[in-house]
Amino acid sequence: MSDRRRSRVKTFAGVAVSVDIDHSYRGDLNVSVLVYSDDLEPLCEVELPTPERSDSEADYRGTFPVDDCAEYAPPAPDQRWSSEGPRTIRA
């Protein structure tokens, strides 16, 4: 690992995302943050906390750490950030 990259990881430690999803039953959601290259190759994925399946409250909101992807912050043309979800979990 180059010195520049090591420095970059330290610089961007503590990266978090804010999520605000309107949904009628948050217990069936599964949401991930993804980082991919300009060639659409996956670089990193972090699954956000999954609500209990019995959680019948509406909406999924919060700010969640994504430190596992910190080395790819900030977003750039060759490291694009996106979210996947809401995905419905079925038994």
N, C-alpha and C. Protein backbone atom coordinates (compact mmCIF):
# COMPACT_ATOMS: atom_id res chain seq x y z
N MET A 1 0.85 -1.18 0.00
CA MET A 1 0.00 0.00 0.00
C MET A 1 0.90 1.24 0.00
N SER A 2 0.59 2.17 -0.86
CA SER A 2 1.41 3.39 -0.95
C SER A 2 1.17 4.29 0.26
N ASP A 3 2.15 5.16 0.53
CA ASP A 3 2.00 6.11 1.64
C ASP A 3 0.78 6.99 1.42
N ARG A 4 0.54 7.38 0.17
CA ARG A 4 -0.61 8.24 -0.13
C ARG A 4 -1.91 7.56 0.26
N ARG A 5 -2.03 6.29 -0.07
CA ARG A 5 -3.27 5.58 0.25
C ARG A 5 -3.44 5.41 1.76
N ARG A 6 -2.37 5.08 2.46
CA ARG A 6 -2.46 4.97 3.91
C ARG A 6 -2.93 6.28 4.53
N SER A 7 -2.37 7.36 4.06
CA SER A 7 -2.76 8.68 4.56
C SER A 7 -4.23 8.94 4.26
N ARG A 8 -4.66 8.55 3.08
CA ARG A 8 -6.04 8.79 2.67
C ARG A 8 -7.02 8.02 3.56
N VAL A 9 -6.70 6.79 3.91
CA VAL A 9 -7.58 6.02 4.77
C VAL A 9 -7.72 6.72 6.12
N LYS A 10 -6.62 7.17 6.67
CA LYS A 10 -6.68 7.88 7.95
C LYS A 10 -7.50 9.16 7.82
N THR A 11 -7.31 9.87 6.73
CA THR A 11 -7.99 11.14 6.53
C THR A 11 -9.51 10.96 6.52
N PHE A 12 -9.99 9.88 5.92
CA PHE A 12 -11.43 9.71 5.74
C PHE A 12 -12.06 8.69 6.68
N ALA A 13 -11.35 8.29 7.72
CA ALA A 13 -11.96 7.40 8.71
C ALA A 13 -13.14 8.14 9.34
N GLY A 14 -14.17 7.41 9.68
CA GLY A 14 -15.34 8.04 10.27
C GLY A 14 -16.38 8.45 9.25
N VAL A 15 -16.36 7.84 8.08
CA VAL A 15 -17.34 8.15 7.03
C VAL A 15 -18.69 7.55 7.41
N ALA A 16 -19.75 8.32 7.20
CA ALA A 16 -21.11 7.86 7.51
C ALA A 16 -22.05 8.30 6.39
N VAL A 17 -23.18 7.62 6.28
CA VAL A 17 -24.22 7.99 5.33
C VAL A 17 -25.51 8.23 6.09
N SER A 18 -26.30 9.16 5.59
CA SER A 18 -27.63 9.42 6.14
C SER A 18 -28.65 8.80 5.21
N VAL A 19 -29.63 8.14 5.80
CA VAL A 19 -30.65 7.43 5.03
C VAL A 19 -32.03 7.93 5.46
N ASP A 20 -32.90 8.13 4.48
CA ASP A 20 -34.27 8.57 4.74
C ASP A 20 -35.18 7.88 3.73
N ILE A 21 -35.71 6.72 4.11
CA ILE A 21 -36.55 5.91 3.22
C ILE A 21 -37.96 5.87 3.78
N ASP A 22 -38.93 6.27 2.97
CA ASP A 22 -40.34 6.14 3.32
C ASP A 22 -40.78 4.74 2.92
N HIS A 23 -41.26 3.98 3.87
CA HIS A 23 -41.68 2.61 3.61
C HIS A 23 -42.70 2.22 4.67
N SER A 24 -43.72 1.48 4.29
CA SER A 24 -44.82 1.19 5.20
C SER A 24 -44.47 0.17 6.30
N TYR A 25 -43.44 -0.65 6.09
CA TYR A 25 -43.11 -1.71 7.06
C TYR A 25 -41.61 -1.94 7.02
N ARG A 26 -40.87 -1.29 7.90
CA ARG A 26 -39.40 -1.34 7.79
C ARG A 26 -38.81 -2.71 8.12
N GLY A 27 -39.57 -3.58 8.73
CA GLY A 27 -39.06 -4.92 9.05
C GLY A 27 -38.75 -5.77 7.84
N ASP A 28 -39.20 -5.37 6.67
CA ASP A 28 -38.90 -6.16 5.47
C ASP A 28 -37.85 -5.49 4.57
N LEU A 29 -37.06 -4.57 5.13
CA LEU A 29 -36.05 -3.86 4.34
C LEU A 29 -34.64 -4.39 4.57
N ASN A 30 -33.85 -4.29 3.53
CA ASN A 30 -32.43 -4.59 3.59
C ASN A 30 -31.77 -3.55 2.68
N VAL A 31 -30.92 -2.69 3.25
CA VAL A 31 -30.33 -1.57 2.50
C VAL A 31 -28.81 -1.67 2.58
N SER A 32 -28.14 -1.46 1.44
CA SER A 32 -26.68 -1.48 1.38
C SER A 32 -26.16 -0.21 0.72
N VAL A 33 -24.94 0.15 1.08
CA VAL A 33 -24.20 1.21 0.41
C VAL A 33 -23.13 0.52 -0.43
N LEU A 34 -23.01 0.95 -1.68
CA LEU A 34 -22.05 0.34 -2.59
C LEU A 34 -21.12 1.39 -3.16
N VAL A 35 -19.88 0.98 -3.41
CA VAL A 35 -18.92 1.81 -4.13
C VAL A 35 -18.45 0.97 -5.30
N TYR A 36 -18.46 1.56 -6.49
CA TYR A 36 -18.02 0.82 -7.67
C TYR A 36 -17.14 1.71 -8.54
N SER A 37 -16.35 1.05 -9.38
CA SER A 37 -15.40 1.76 -10.24
C SER A 37 -16.12 2.34 -11.45
N ASP A 38 -15.39 3.12 -12.24
CA ASP A 38 -15.97 3.67 -13.46
C ASP A 38 -16.28 2.57 -14.47
N ASP A 39 -15.72 1.37 -14.29
CA ASP A 39 -16.03 0.21 -15.14
C ASP A 39 -17.14 -0.64 -14.53
N LEU A 40 -17.78 -0.11 -13.48
CA LEU A 40 -18.86 -0.78 -12.75
C LEU A 40 -18.42 -2.04 -12.02
N GLU A 41 -17.14 -2.12 -11.69
CA GLU A 41 -16.63 -3.21 -10.87
C GLU A 41 -16.86 -2.84 -9.40
N PRO A 42 -17.38 -3.76 -8.59
CA PRO A 42 -17.59 -3.44 -7.18
C PRO A 42 -16.27 -3.25 -6.45
N LEU A 43 -16.21 -2.18 -5.66
CA LEU A 43 -15.03 -1.89 -4.84
C LEU A 43 -15.30 -2.15 -3.38
N CYS A 44 -16.54 -1.90 -2.95
CA CYS A 44 -16.87 -2.02 -1.54
C CYS A 44 -18.39 -2.08 -1.38
N GLU A 45 -18.85 -2.81 -0.37
CA GLU A 45 -20.28 -2.84 -0.04
C GLU A 45 -20.42 -2.95 1.47
N VAL A 46 -21.30 -2.15 2.03
CA VAL A 46 -21.61 -2.20 3.45
C VAL A 46 -23.11 -2.35 3.59
N GLU A 47 -23.52 -3.41 4.27
CA GLU A 47 -24.94 -3.59 4.56
C GLU A 47 -25.27 -2.76 5.79
N LEU A 48 -26.27 -1.92 5.68
CA LEU A 48 -26.69 -1.10 6.81
C LEU A 48 -27.48 -1.96 7.80
N PRO A 49 -27.63 -1.50 9.04
CA PRO A 49 -28.35 -2.30 10.03
C PRO A 49 -29.73 -2.71 9.52
N THR A 50 -30.03 -3.98 9.65
CA THR A 50 -31.31 -4.52 9.21
C THR A 50 -32.29 -4.49 10.38
N PRO A 51 -33.45 -3.87 10.19
CA PRO A 51 -34.44 -3.86 11.27
C PRO A 51 -34.91 -5.29 11.58
N GLU A 52 -35.37 -5.49 12.79
CA GLU A 52 -35.96 -6.79 13.15
C GLU A 52 -37.12 -7.06 12.20
N ARG A 53 -37.25 -8.30 11.77
CA ARG A 53 -38.33 -8.66 10.83
C ARG A 53 -39.71 -8.35 11.42
N SER A 54 -39.83 -8.35 12.74
CA SER A 54 -41.12 -8.08 13.38
C SER A 54 -41.38 -6.59 13.57
N ASP A 55 -40.44 -5.74 13.17
CA ASP A 55 -40.58 -4.28 13.33
C ASP A 55 -41.60 -3.77 12.31
N SER A 56 -42.80 -3.49 12.78
CA SER A 56 -43.88 -3.08 11.88
C SER A 56 -44.01 -1.57 11.74
N GLU A 57 -43.08 -0.83 12.33
CA GLU A 57 -43.11 0.63 12.20
C GLU A 57 -42.79 1.03 10.76
N ALA A 58 -43.19 2.24 10.40
CA ALA A 58 -42.93 2.75 9.06
C ALA A 58 -41.57 3.45 9.01
N ASP A 59 -41.01 3.49 7.82
CA ASP A 59 -39.83 4.29 7.46
C ASP A 59 -38.52 3.76 8.06
N TYR A 60 -37.45 4.09 7.37
CA TYR A 60 -36.09 3.68 7.76
C TYR A 60 -35.23 4.93 7.67
N ARG A 61 -34.80 5.42 8.81
CA ARG A 61 -34.04 6.67 8.85
C ARG A 61 -32.89 6.55 9.82
N GLY A 62 -31.83 7.28 9.52
CA GLY A 62 -30.70 7.32 10.44
C GLY A 62 -29.41 7.65 9.74
N THR A 63 -28.37 7.81 10.52
CA THR A 63 -27.02 8.02 10.01
C THR A 63 -26.20 6.83 10.47
N PHE A 64 -25.53 6.17 9.52
CA PHE A 64 -24.85 4.92 9.79
C PHE A 64 -23.39 4.99 9.34
N PRO A 65 -22.48 4.44 10.15
CA PRO A 65 -21.07 4.42 9.75
C PRO A 65 -20.84 3.46 8.59
N VAL A 66 -19.98 3.83 7.68
CA VAL A 66 -19.57 2.97 6.57
C VAL A 66 -18.04 2.99 6.47
N ASP A 67 -17.39 2.84 7.61
CA ASP A 67 -15.93 2.91 7.68
C ASP A 67 -15.24 1.89 6.79
N ASP A 68 -15.89 0.76 6.52
CA ASP A 68 -15.27 -0.24 5.65
C ASP A 68 -15.04 0.29 4.24
N CYS A 69 -15.74 1.34 3.85
CA CYS A 69 -15.56 1.94 2.53
C CYS A 69 -14.84 3.28 2.59
N ALA A 70 -14.30 3.63 3.74
CA ALA A 70 -13.69 4.95 3.94
C ALA A 70 -12.56 5.24 2.96
N GLU A 71 -11.83 4.22 2.54
CA GLU A 71 -10.71 4.48 1.62
C GLU A 71 -11.19 4.98 0.26
N TYR A 72 -12.48 4.85 -0.03
CA TYR A 72 -13.04 5.31 -1.31
C TYR A 72 -13.73 6.66 -1.20
N ALA A 73 -13.62 7.32 -0.06
CA ALA A 73 -14.22 8.64 0.12
C ALA A 73 -13.17 9.69 -0.23
N PRO A 74 -13.61 10.80 -0.75
CA PRO A 74 -14.97 11.14 -1.18
C PRO A 74 -15.28 10.50 -2.53
N PRO A 75 -16.55 10.49 -2.92
CA PRO A 75 -16.91 9.95 -4.23
C PRO A 75 -16.14 10.67 -5.35
N ALA A 76 -15.83 9.92 -6.39
CA ALA A 76 -15.10 10.44 -7.55
C ALA A 76 -15.53 9.65 -8.77
N PRO A 77 -15.18 10.10 -9.98
CA PRO A 77 -15.60 9.37 -11.19
C PRO A 77 -15.15 7.91 -11.20
N ASP A 78 -14.02 7.59 -10.57
CA ASP A 78 -13.55 6.20 -10.57
C ASP A 78 -13.91 5.45 -9.30
N GLN A 79 -14.69 6.07 -8.43
CA GLN A 79 -15.18 5.41 -7.21
C GLN A 79 -16.53 6.03 -6.85
N ARG A 80 -17.54 5.50 -7.50
CA ARG A 80 -18.91 6.04 -7.39
C ARG A 80 -19.65 5.38 -6.23
N TRP A 81 -20.33 6.21 -5.46
CA TRP A 81 -21.11 5.74 -4.31
C TRP A 81 -22.57 5.64 -4.71
N SER A 82 -23.24 4.61 -4.21
CA SER A 82 -24.65 4.41 -4.51
C SER A 82 -25.27 3.61 -3.35
N SER A 83 -26.57 3.51 -3.38
CA SER A 83 -27.25 2.66 -2.40
C SER A 83 -28.07 1.63 -3.16
N GLU A 84 -28.32 0.54 -2.49
CA GLU A 84 -29.18 -0.49 -3.06
C GLU A 84 -30.25 -0.76 -2.02
N GLY A 85 -31.46 -0.65 -2.44
CA GLY A 85 -32.57 -0.87 -1.52
C GLY A 85 -33.63 0.17 -1.80
N PRO A 86 -34.73 0.13 -1.19
CA PRO A 86 -35.01 -0.96 -0.25
C PRO A 86 -35.22 -2.29 -0.98
N ARG A 87 -34.63 -3.31 -0.42
CA ARG A 87 -34.88 -4.66 -0.90
C ARG A 87 -35.82 -5.32 0.08
N THR A 88 -36.80 -5.98 -0.42
CA THR A 88 -37.76 -6.65 0.47
C THR A 88 -37.24 -8.05 0.77
N ILE A 89 -37.25 -8.41 2.03
CA ILE A 89 -36.82 -9.72 2.48
C ILE A 89 -38.08 -10.58 2.62
N ARG A 90 -38.08 -11.68 1.96
CA ARG A 90 -39.24 -12.57 2.04
C ARG A 90 -38.83 -13.88 2.68
N ALA A 91 -39.72 -14.45 3.46
CA ALA A 91 -39.44 -15.74 4.11
C ALA A 91 -39.60 -16.87 3.13
